[in-house]
PDB file of N, CA and C in Angstrom:
ATOM      1  N   MET A   1     -18.734 -23.410  10.073  1.00  0.00           N
ATOM      2  CA  MET A   1     -17.265 -22.987  10.881  1.00  0.00           C
ATOM      3  C   MET A   1     -17.146 -21.236  10.426  1.00  0.00           C
ATOM      4  N   ALA A   2     -16.904 -20.472  11.129  1.00  0.00           N
ATOM      5  CA  ALA A   2     -16.608 -19.040  11.034  1.00  0.00           C
ATOM      6  C   ALA A   2     -15.195 -18.798  10.403  1.00  0.00           C
ATOM      7  N   LYS A   3     -15.146 -17.982   9.570  1.00  0.00           N
ATOM      8  CA  LYS A   3     -13.667 -17.557   8.741  1.00  0.00           C
ATOM      9  C   LYS A   3     -12.790 -16.632   9.787  1.00  0.00           C
ATOM     10  N   ALA A   4     -11.855 -17.312   9.546  1.00  0.00           N
ATOM     11  CA  ALA A   4     -10.717 -16.422  10.541  1.00  0.00           C
ATOM     12  C   ALA A   4     -10.613 -15.186   9.979  1.00  0.00           C
ATOM     13  N   ALA A   5      -9.603 -14.468  10.622  1.00  0.00           N
ATOM     14  CA  ALA A   5      -9.632 -12.842  10.313  1.00  0.00           C
ATOM     15  C   ALA A   5      -8.860 -12.812   9.189  1.00  0.00           C
ATOM     16  N   SER A   6      -7.722 -13.433   9.099  1.00  0.00           N
ATOM     17  CA  SER A   6      -6.667 -13.741   7.938  1.00  0.00           C
ATOM     18  C   SER A   6      -7.677 -14.077   6.822  1.00  0.00           C
ATOM     19  N   GLN A   7      -8.474 -14.915   6.964  1.00  0.00           N
ATOM     20  CA  GLN A   7      -9.503 -15.552   5.353  1.00  0.00           C
ATOM     21  C   GLN A   7     -10.187 -14.510   4.911  1.00  0.00           C
ATOM     22  N   LYS A   8     -10.732 -13.742   5.943  1.00  0.00           N
ATOM     23  CA  LYS A   8     -11.729 -12.546   5.583  1.00  0.00           C
ATOM     24  C   LYS A   8     -10.942 -11.276   4.914  1.00  0.00           C
ATOM     25  N   SER A   9      -9.952 -11.395   5.281  1.00  0.00           N
ATOM     26  CA  SER A   9      -9.021 -10.274   4.666  1.00  0.00           C
ATOM     27  C   SER A   9      -8.399 -10.545   3.420  1.00  0.00           C
ATOM     28  N   LEU A  10      -8.253 -12.202   2.979  1.00  0.00           N
ATOM     29  CA  LEU A  10      -7.938 -12.313   1.697  1.00  0.00           C
ATOM     30  C   LEU A  10      -9.139 -12.347   0.619  1.00  0.00           C
ATOM     31  N   GLU A  11     -10.287 -12.617   1.207  1.00  0.00           N
ATOM     32  CA  GLU A  11     -11.472 -12.921   0.470  1.00  0.00           C
ATOM     33  C   GLU A  11     -11.845 -11.178  -0.100  1.00  0.00           C
ATOM     34  N   ARG A  12     -11.662 -10.646   0.884  1.00  0.00           N
ATOM     35  CA  ARG A  12     -12.063  -9.059   0.552  1.00  0.00           C
ATOM     36  C   ARG A  12     -10.833  -8.680  -0.489  1.00  0.00           C
ATOM     37  N   ARG A  13      -9.682  -8.873  -0.498  1.00  0.00           N
ATOM     38  CA  ARG A  13      -8.601  -8.483  -1.184  1.00  0.00           C
ATOM     39  C   ARG A  13      -8.730  -8.987  -2.514  1.00  0.00           C
ATOM     40  N   THR A  14      -9.333 -10.294  -2.906  1.00  0.00           N
ATOM     41  CA  THR A  14      -9.481 -11.007  -3.809  1.00  0.00           C
ATOM     42  C   THR A  14     -10.485 -10.314  -4.504  1.00  0.00           C
ATOM     43  N   LYS A  15     -11.633  -9.563  -4.269  1.00  0.00           N
ATOM     44  CA  LYS A  15     -12.637  -9.197  -4.813  1.00  0.00           C
ATOM     45  C   LYS A  15     -12.338  -7.713  -5.492  1.00  0.00           C
ATOM     46  N   GLN A  16     -11.142  -7.211  -4.986  1.00  0.00           N
ATOM     47  CA  GLN A  16     -10.870  -5.935  -5.406  1.00  0.00           C
ATOM     48  C   GLN A  16      -9.844  -6.105  -6.703  1.00  0.00           C
ATOM     49  N   LYS A  17     -10.007  -5.123  -7.562  1.00  0.00           N
ATOM     50  CA  LYS A  17      -9.137  -5.392  -8.796  1.00  0.00           C
ATOM     51  C   LYS A  17      -7.958  -4.594  -8.517  1.00  0.00           C
ATOM     52  N   TRP A  18      -6.803  -5.244  -8.414  1.00  0.00           N
ATOM     53  CA  TRP A  18      -5.607  -4.724  -8.126  1.00  0.00           C
ATOM     54  C   TRP A  18      -4.962  -4.636  -9.507  1.00  0.00           C
ATOM     55  N   ARG A  19      -4.327  -3.139  -9.450  1.00  0.00           N
ATOM     56  CA  ARG A  19      -3.474  -3.030 -10.940  1.00  0.00           C
ATOM     57  C   ARG A  19      -2.615  -2.061 -10.711  1.00  0.00           C
ATOM     58  N   PRO A  20      -1.372  -1.735 -11.856  1.00  0.00           N
ATOM     59  CA  PRO A  20      -0.710  -0.406 -11.543  1.00  0.00           C
ATOM     60  C   PRO A  20      -1.448   0.465 -12.254  1.00  0.00           C
ATOM     61  N   PRO A  21      -1.142   1.931 -12.289  1.00  0.00           N
ATOM     62  CA  PRO A  21      -1.988   2.776 -12.657  1.00  0.00           C
ATOM     63  C   PRO A  21      -1.772   2.668 -14.036  1.00  0.00           C
ATOM     64  N   SER A  22      -0.464   2.522 -14.659  1.00  0.00           N
ATOM     65  CA  SER A  22      -0.680   2.447 -16.226  1.00  0.00           C
ATOM     66  C   SER A  22      -1.781   1.558 -16.962  1.00  0.00           C
ATOM     67  N   GLY A  23      -1.624   0.404 -16.103  1.00  0.00           N
ATOM     68  CA  GLY A  23      -2.656  -0.836 -16.935  1.00  0.00           C
ATOM     69  C   GLY A  23      -1.503  -1.488 -17.336  1.00  0.00           C
ATOM     70  N   LYS A  24      -0.270  -1.335 -17.375  1.00  0.00           N
ATOM     71  CA  LYS A  24       0.472  -2.294 -18.108  1.00  0.00           C
ATOM     72  C   LYS A  24       1.562  -2.885 -17.201  1.00  0.00           C
ATOM     73  N   LYS A  25       2.382  -4.226 -17.628  1.00  0.00           N
ATOM     74  CA  LYS A  25       2.933  -4.519 -16.421  1.00  0.00           C
ATOM     75  C   LYS A  25       3.796  -3.836 -15.408  1.00  0.00           C
ATOM     76  N   SER A  26       3.683  -4.104 -13.952  1.00  0.00           N
ATOM     77  CA  SER A  26       4.146  -3.559 -12.808  1.00  0.00           C
ATOM     78  C   SER A  26       5.752  -3.750 -13.042  1.00  0.00           C
ATOM     79  N   SER A  27       6.022  -5.243 -13.526  1.00  0.00           N
ATOM     80  CA  SER A  27       7.428  -5.689 -13.660  1.00  0.00           C
ATOM     81  C   SER A  27       8.103  -4.807 -14.637  1.00  0.00           C
ATOM     82  N   GLU A  28       7.475  -4.173 -15.804  1.00  0.00           N
ATOM     83  CA  GLU A  28       7.991  -3.517 -16.940  1.00  0.00           C
ATOM     84  C   GLU A  28       8.430  -2.072 -16.505  1.00  0.00           C
ATOM     85  N   THR A  29       6.998  -1.636 -15.975  1.00  0.00           N
ATOM     86  CA  THR A  29       7.037  -0.172 -15.716  1.00  0.00           C
ATOM     87  C   THR A  29       7.619  -0.040 -14.503  1.00  0.00           C
ATOM     88  N   GLY A  30       7.668  -0.570 -13.244  1.00  0.00           N
ATOM     89  CA  GLY A  30       8.128  -0.344 -12.128  1.00  0.00           C
ATOM     90  C   GLY A  30       7.188   0.529 -11.149  1.00  0.00           C
ATOM     91  N   GLU A  31       6.048   0.511 -11.425  1.00  0.00           N
ATOM     92  CA  GLU A  31       4.820   0.972 -10.599  1.00  0.00           C
ATOM     93  C   GLU A  31       4.316   0.283  -9.602  1.00  0.00           C
ATOM     94  N   VAL A  32       3.757   1.232  -8.629  1.00  0.00           N
ATOM     95  CA  VAL A  32       3.340   0.418  -7.656  1.00  0.00           C
ATOM     96  C   VAL A  32       1.849  -0.414  -8.057  1.00  0.00           C
ATOM     97  N   TYR A  33       1.101  -1.283  -7.018  1.00  0.00           N
ATOM     98  CA  TYR A  33       0.444  -2.213  -7.330  1.00  0.00           C
ATOM     99  C   TYR A  33      -0.844  -1.663  -6.404  1.00  0.00           C
ATOM    100  N   ALA A  34      -1.768  -1.265  -6.545  1.00  0.00           N
ATOM    101  CA  ALA A  34      -2.858  -1.041  -5.741  1.00  0.00           C
ATOM    102  C   ALA A  34      -4.595  -1.115  -6.145  1.00  0.00           C
ATOM    103  N   PRO A  35      -5.253  -0.984  -5.540  1.00  0.00           N
ATOM    104  CA  PRO A  35      -6.698  -1.229  -6.172  1.00  0.00           C
ATOM    105  C   PRO A  35      -6.989  -0.167  -7.043  1.00  0.00           C
ATOM    106  N   SER A  36      -7.811  -0.648  -7.880  1.00  0.00           N
ATOM    107  CA  SER A  36      -8.417  -0.098  -9.036  1.00  0.00           C
ATOM    108  C   SER A  36      -9.278   1.664  -8.281  1.00  0.00           C
ATOM    109  N   LYS A  37      -9.753   1.330  -7.318  1.00  0.00           N
ATOM    110  CA  LYS A  37     -10.571   2.436  -6.635  1.00  0.00           C
ATOM    111  C   LYS A  37      -9.911   3.493  -6.093  1.00  0.00           C
ATOM    112  N   THR A  38      -8.401   2.935  -5.726  1.00  0.00           N
ATOM    113  CA  THR A  38      -7.528   3.771  -4.683  1.00  0.00           C
ATOM    114  C   THR A  38      -7.003   4.670  -5.927  1.00  0.00           C
ATOM    115  N   ILE A  39      -6.577   3.925  -6.816  1.00  0.00           N
ATOM    116  CA  ILE A  39      -5.579   4.531  -8.273  1.00  0.00           C
ATOM    117  C   ILE A  39      -6.641   5.491  -8.767  1.00  0.00           C
ATOM    118  N   ALA A  40      -7.960   5.452  -9.014  1.00  0.00           N
ATOM    119  CA  ALA A  40      -9.121   6.584  -9.895  1.00  0.00           C
ATOM    120  C   ALA A  40      -9.317   7.430  -8.932  1.00  0.00           C
ATOM    121  N   LYS A  41      -9.026   7.386  -7.438  1.00  0.00           N
ATOM    122  CA  LYS A  41      -9.176   8.617  -6.477  1.00  0.00           C
ATOM    123  C   LYS A  41      -7.897   9.186  -6.505  1.00  0.00           C
ATOM    124  N   LEU A  42      -6.725   8.632  -6.760  1.00  0.00           N
ATOM    125  CA  LEU A  42      -5.339   9.497  -6.765  1.00  0.00           C
ATOM    126  C   LEU A  42      -5.215  10.322  -7.950  1.00  0.00           C
ATOM    127  N   LYS A  43      -5.920   9.503  -9.290  1.00  0.00           N
ATOM    128  CA  LYS A  43      -5.681  10.037 -10.282  1.00  0.00           C
ATOM    129  C   LYS A  43      -6.521  11.420 -10.561  1.00  0.00           C
ATOM    130  N   SER A  44      -7.822  11.298  -9.860  1.00  0.00           N
ATOM    131  CA  SER A  44      -8.565  12.627  -9.969  1.00  0.00           C
ATOM    132  C   SER A  44      -8.531  13.690  -9.453  1.00  0.00           C
ATOM    133  N   THR A  45      -7.334  13.768  -8.640  1.00  0.00           N
ATOM    134  CA  THR A  45      -6.796  15.301  -8.011  1.00  0.00           C
ATOM    135  C   THR A  45      -5.487  15.449  -8.150  1.00  0.00           C
ATOM    136  N   LYS A  46      -5.013  16.786  -8.438  1.00  0.00           N
ATOM    137  CA  LYS A  46      -3.682  16.940  -8.610  1.00  0.00           C
ATOM    138  C   LYS A  46      -2.618  16.758  -7.436  1.00  0.00           C
ATOM    139  N   SER A  47      -3.089  16.972  -6.556  1.00  0.00           N
ATOM    140  CA  SER A  47      -2.517  16.196  -5.326  1.00  0.00           C
ATOM    141  C   SER A  47      -2.276  14.554  -4.860  1.00  0.00           C
ATOM    142  N   GLY A  48      -3.031  13.871  -5.428  1.00  0.00           N
ATOM    143  CA  GLY A  48      -3.343  12.658  -5.667  1.00  0.00           C
ATOM    144  C   GLY A  48      -1.987  11.951  -6.507  1.00  0.00           C
ATOM    145  N   ARG A  49      -2.267  12.970  -8.261  1.00  0.00           N
ATOM    146  CA  ARG A  49      -1.005  12.451  -9.013  1.00  0.00           C
ATOM    147  C   ARG A  49       0.234  12.725  -8.511  1.00  0.00           C
ATOM    148  N   LYS A  50       0.254  13.516  -7.812  1.00  0.00           N
ATOM    149  CA  LYS A  50       1.833  13.908  -7.135  1.00  0.00           C
ATOM    150  C   LYS A  50       2.035  12.828  -6.044  1.00  0.00           C
ATOM    151  N   LYS A  51       1.049  12.521  -5.283  1.00  0.00           N
ATOM    152  CA  LYS A  51       1.180  11.632  -4.281  1.00  0.00           C
ATOM    153  C   LYS A  51       1.667  10.092  -5.106  1.00  0.00           C
ATOM    154  N   LEU A  52       0.956   9.767  -6.078  1.00  0.00           N
ATOM    155  CA  LEU A  52       1.053   8.322  -6.823  1.00  0.00           C
ATOM    156  C   LEU A  52       2.283   8.516  -7.829  1.00  0.00           C
ATOM    157  N   ALA A  53       2.826   9.662  -8.029  1.00  0.00           N
ATOM    158  CA  ALA A  53       3.852   9.916  -8.692  1.00  0.00           C
ATOM    159  C   ALA A  53       5.205   9.320  -7.518  1.00  0.00           C
ATOM    160  N   ALA A  54       5.170  10.252  -6.677  1.00  0.00           N
ATOM    161  CA  ALA A  54       6.251   9.975  -5.507  1.00  0.00           C
ATOM    162  C   ALA A  54       5.897   8.790  -5.180  1.00  0.00           C
ATOM    163  N   ALA A  55       5.215   7.607  -4.921  1.00  0.00           N
ATOM    164  CA  ALA A  55       5.168   6.294  -4.658  1.00  0.00           C
ATOM    165  C   ALA A  55       5.670   5.346  -5.694  1.00  0.00           C
ATOM    166  N   ASN A  56       5.349   5.805  -6.706  1.00  0.00           N
ATOM    167  CA  ASN A  56       6.209   5.470  -8.013  1.00  0.00           C
ATOM    168  C   ASN A  56       7.686   5.487  -7.754  1.00  0.00           C
ATOM    169  N   ALA A  57       8.132   6.512  -7.447  1.00  0.00           N
ATOM    170  CA  ALA A  57       9.509   6.922  -7.479  1.00  0.00           C
ATOM    171  C   ALA A  57      10.284   5.837  -6.366  1.00  0.00           C
ATOM    172  N   LYS A  58       9.490   6.055  -5.181  1.00  0.00           N
ATOM    173  CA  LYS A  58       9.999   4.946  -4.132  1.00  0.00           C
ATOM    174  C   LYS A  58      10.002   3.616  -4.612  1.00  0.00           C
ATOM    175  N   LYS A  59       8.935   3.326  -5.585  1.00  0.00           N
ATOM    176  CA  LYS A  59       9.138   1.947  -5.648  1.00  0.00           C
ATOM    177  C   LYS A  59      10.073   1.663  -6.609  1.00  0.00           C
ATOM    178  N   ARG A  60      10.269   2.165  -7.770  1.00  0.00           N
ATOM    179  CA  ARG A  60      11.362   2.154  -8.345  1.00  0.00           C
ATOM    180  C   ARG A  60      12.766   1.944  -7.829  1.00  0.00           C
ATOM    181  N   ALA A  61      13.013   3.197  -6.714  1.00  0.00           N
ATOM    182  CA  ALA A  61      14.406   3.494  -6.264  1.00  0.00           C
ATOM    183  C   ALA A  61      14.390   2.170  -5.435  1.00  0.00           C
ATOM    184  N   ALA A  62      13.427   1.592  -4.883  1.00  0.00           N
ATOM    185  CA  ALA A  62      13.727   0.231  -3.746  1.00  0.00           C
ATOM    186  C   ALA A  62      13.998  -0.940  -4.401  1.00  0.00           C
ATOM    187  N   THR A  63      13.206  -1.114  -5.746  1.00  0.00           N
ATOM    188  CA  THR A  63      13.391  -2.211  -6.531  1.00  0.00           C
ATOM    189  C   THR A  63      14.848  -2.166  -7.251  1.00  0.00           C
ATOM    190  N   LYS A  64      15.145  -1.081  -7.756  1.00  0.00           N
ATOM    191  CA  LYS A  64      16.655  -0.596  -8.351  1.00  0.00           C
ATOM    192  C   LYS A  64      17.613  -1.113  -7.089  1.00  0.00           C
ATOM    193  N   ALA A  65      17.420  -0.774  -5.591  1.00  0.00           N
ATOM    194  CA  ALA A  65      18.002  -1.062  -4.824  1.00  0.00           C
ATOM    195  C   ALA A  65      18.393  -2.656  -4.067  1.00  0.00           C
ATOM    196  N   GLY A  66      17.139  -3.386  -5.040  1.00  0.00           N
ATOM    197  CA  GLY A  66      16.947  -4.730  -4.681  1.00  0.00           C
ATOM    198  C   GLY A  66      16.123  -5.208  -3.446  1.00  0.00           C
ATOM    199  N   LYS A  67      15.539  -4.333  -3.203  1.00  0.00           N
ATOM    200  CA  LYS A  67      14.386  -4.728  -2.190  1.00  0.00           C
ATOM    201  C   LYS A  67      12.980  -5.215  -2.774  1.00  0.00           C
ATOM    202  N   GLN A  68      12.579  -5.926  -1.833  1.00  0.00           N
ATOM    203  CA  GLN A  68      11.327  -6.843  -2.336  1.00  0.00           C
ATOM    204  C   GLN A  68      10.413  -5.804  -1.917  1.00  0.00           C
ATOM    205  N   HIS A  69      10.156  -4.942  -0.853  1.00  0.00           N
ATOM    206  CA  HIS A  69       8.897  -4.077  -0.711  1.00  0.00           C
ATOM    207  C   HIS A  69       9.464  -2.541  -0.511  1.00  0.00           C
ATOM    208  N   ALA A  70       8.778  -1.769  -1.141  1.00  0.00           N
ATOM    209  CA  ALA A  70       8.847  -0.636  -0.742  1.00  0.00           C
ATOM    210  C   ALA A  70       7.879   0.216   0.084  1.00  0.00           C
ATOM    211  N   SER A  71       8.256   0.985   1.067  1.00  0.00           N
ATOM    212  CA  SER A  71       7.331   1.904   1.951  1.00  0.00           C
ATOM    213  C   SER A  71       7.244   3.133   1.504  1.00  0.00           C
ATOM    214  N   HIS A  72       5.778   3.017   0.187  1.00  0.00           N
ATOM    215  CA  HIS A  72       5.581   4.082  -0.190  1.00  0.00           C
ATOM    216  C   HIS A  72       4.344   5.330   0.340  1.00  0.00           C
ATOM    217  N   GLY A  73       3.854   4.279   1.223  1.00  0.00           N
ATOM    218  CA  GLY A  73       2.749   4.856   1.915  1.00  0.00           C
ATOM    219  C   GLY A  73       1.460   4.928   1.344  1.00  0.00           C
ATOM    220  N   LEU A  74       1.304   4.419   0.268  1.00  0.00           N
ATOM    221  CA  LEU A  74      -0.274   4.009  -0.470  1.00  0.00           C
ATOM    222  C   LEU A  74      -1.352   3.694   0.499  1.00  0.00           C
ATOM    223  N   HIS A  75      -0.552   2.073   0.712  1.00  0.00           N
ATOM    224  CA  HIS A  75      -1.558   1.208   1.472  1.00  0.00           C
ATOM    225  C   HIS A  75      -1.673   1.459   2.917  1.00  0.00           C
ATOM    226  N   LYS A  76      -3.034   1.795   3.154  1.00  0.00           N
ATOM    227  CA  LYS A  76      -3.091   1.991   4.540  1.00  0.00           C
ATOM    228  C   LYS A  76      -2.864   0.942   5.584  1.00  0.00           C
ATOM    229  N   GLY A  77      -2.342   1.135   6.986  1.00  0.00           N
ATOM    230  CA  GLY A  77      -2.434   0.116   7.661  1.00  0.00           C
ATOM    231  C   GLY A  77      -1.109  -0.848   7.446  1.00  0.00           C
ATOM    232  N   LYS A  78      -0.375  -0.713   6.585  1.00  0.00           N
ATOM    233  CA  LYS A  78       0.791  -1.522   6.487  1.00  0.00           C
ATOM    234  C   LYS A  78       1.676  -1.229   7.170  1.00  0.00           C
ATOM    235  N   ASN A  79       2.650  -1.819   8.118  1.00  0.00           N
ATOM    236  CA  ASN A  79       3.756  -1.745   8.846  1.00  0.00           C
ATOM    237  C   ASN A  79       4.706  -2.729   8.589  1.00  0.00           C
ATOM    238  N   ARG A  80       5.740  -2.878   7.494  1.00  0.00           N
ATOM    239  CA  ARG A  80       6.225  -3.530   6.997  1.00  0.00           C
ATOM    240  C   ARG A  80       7.753  -3.674   7.681  1.00  0.00           C
ATOM    241  N   THR A  81       7.810  -2.362   8.668  1.00  0.00           N
ATOM    242  CA  THR A  81       9.406  -2.581   9.569  1.00  0.00           C
ATOM    243  C   THR A  81       9.454  -3.584  10.582  1.00  0.00           C
ATOM    244  N   GLY A  82       8.170  -4.273  10.681  1.00  0.00           N
ATOM    245  CA  GLY A  82       8.293  -5.436  11.940  1.00  0.00           C
ATOM    246  C   GLY A  82       7.752  -4.802  13.402  1.00  0.00           C
ATOM    247  N   ALA A  83       7.850  -3.445  13.691  1.00  0.00           N
ATOM    248  CA  ALA A  83       7.719  -3.152  14.759  1.00  0.00           C
ATOM    249  C   ALA A  83       6.112  -3.013  14.947  1.00  0.00           C
ATOM    250  N   LYS A  84       5.724  -3.285  16.049  1.00  0.00           N
ATOM    251  CA  LYS A  84       4.320  -3.419  16.695  1.00  0.00           C
ATOM    252  C   LYS A  84       3.806  -1.998  16.942  1.00  0.00           C
ATOM    253  N   LYS A  85       2.437  -1.650  16.564  1.00  0.00           N
ATOM    254  CA  LYS A  85       2.417  -0.451  16.708  1.00  0.00           C
ATOM    255  C   LYS A  85       1.908  -0.484  18.369  1.00  0.00           C
ATOM    256  N   THR A  86       2.290   0.697  18.789  1.00  0.00           N
ATOM    257  CA  THR A  86       1.993   0.942  20.153  1.00  0.00           C
ATOM    258  C   THR A  86       0.825   2.017  20.522  1.00  0.00           C
ATOM    259  N   THR A  87       0.167   1.659  21.588  1.00  0.00           N
ATOM    260  CA  THR A  87      -0.565   2.896  22.266  1.00  0.00           C
ATOM    261  C   THR A  87       0.003   3.687  23.448  1.00  0.00           C
ATOM    262  N   ARG A  88      -0.835   4.789  23.222  1.00  0.00           N
ATOM    263  CA  ARG A  88      -0.142   5.651  24.098  1.00  0.00           C
ATOM    264  C   ARG A  88      -0.350   5.260  25.316  1.00  0.00           C
ATOM    265  N   SER A  89       0.763   5.466  26.103  1.00  0.00           N
ATOM    266  CA  SER A  89       0.800   5.045  27.580  1.00  0.00           C
ATOM    267  C   SER A  89       0.105   5.883  28.469  1.00  0.00           C
ATOM    268  N   ARG A  90      -0.480   5.307  29.522  1.00  0.00           N
ATOM    269  CA  ARG A  90      -1.312   6.093  30.714  1.00  0.00           C
ATOM    270  C   ARG A  90      -0.589   6.540  31.568  1.00  0.00           C
ATOM    271  N   THR A  91      -0.455   7.418  32.101  1.00  0.00           N
ATOM    272  CA  THR A  91       0.176   8.089  33.240  1.00  0.00           C
ATOM    273  C   THR A  91      -0.821   7.818  34.674  1.00  0.00           C
ATOM    274  N   LYS A  92       0.030   7.144  35.524  1.00  0.00           N
ATOM    275  CA  LYS A  92      -0.745   6.729  36.670  1.00  0.00           C
ATOM    276  C   LYS A  92      -0.581   8.167  37.807  1.00  0.00           C
ATOM    277  N   LYS A  93      -1.714   8.512  38.525  1.00  0.00           N
ATOM    278  CA  LYS A  93      -1.524   9.404  39.488  1.00  0.00           C
ATOM    279  C   LYS A  93      -0.988   8.970  40.672  1.00  0.00           C
ATOM    280  N   LYS A  94       0.015   9.568  41.281  1.00  0.00           N
ATOM    281  CA  LYS A  94       0.206   9.178  42.587  1.00  0.00           C
ATOM    282  C   LYS A  94      -0.029   9.721  44.214  1.00  0.00           C
TER     283      LYS A  94
END
């Protein structure tokens, strides 16, 4: 039997090594949790380090405010607002 899309996604995510940027416990540092490859890419450039620092600041602020999720923008395709993504509507010719 073929795997469902959610099962494939979970399998792919399990194979990635997820960690906080410092390597310490995220609960102690308040840092974002991301795949090692993403962290390595971000740390390799000055703009990436700025983006990572901004994401960590947003995460810490959200945690301090008692929120479970922080919309820091590092994870692609995440839409935690609950709103569905819409496509551009097509206009009909009269």
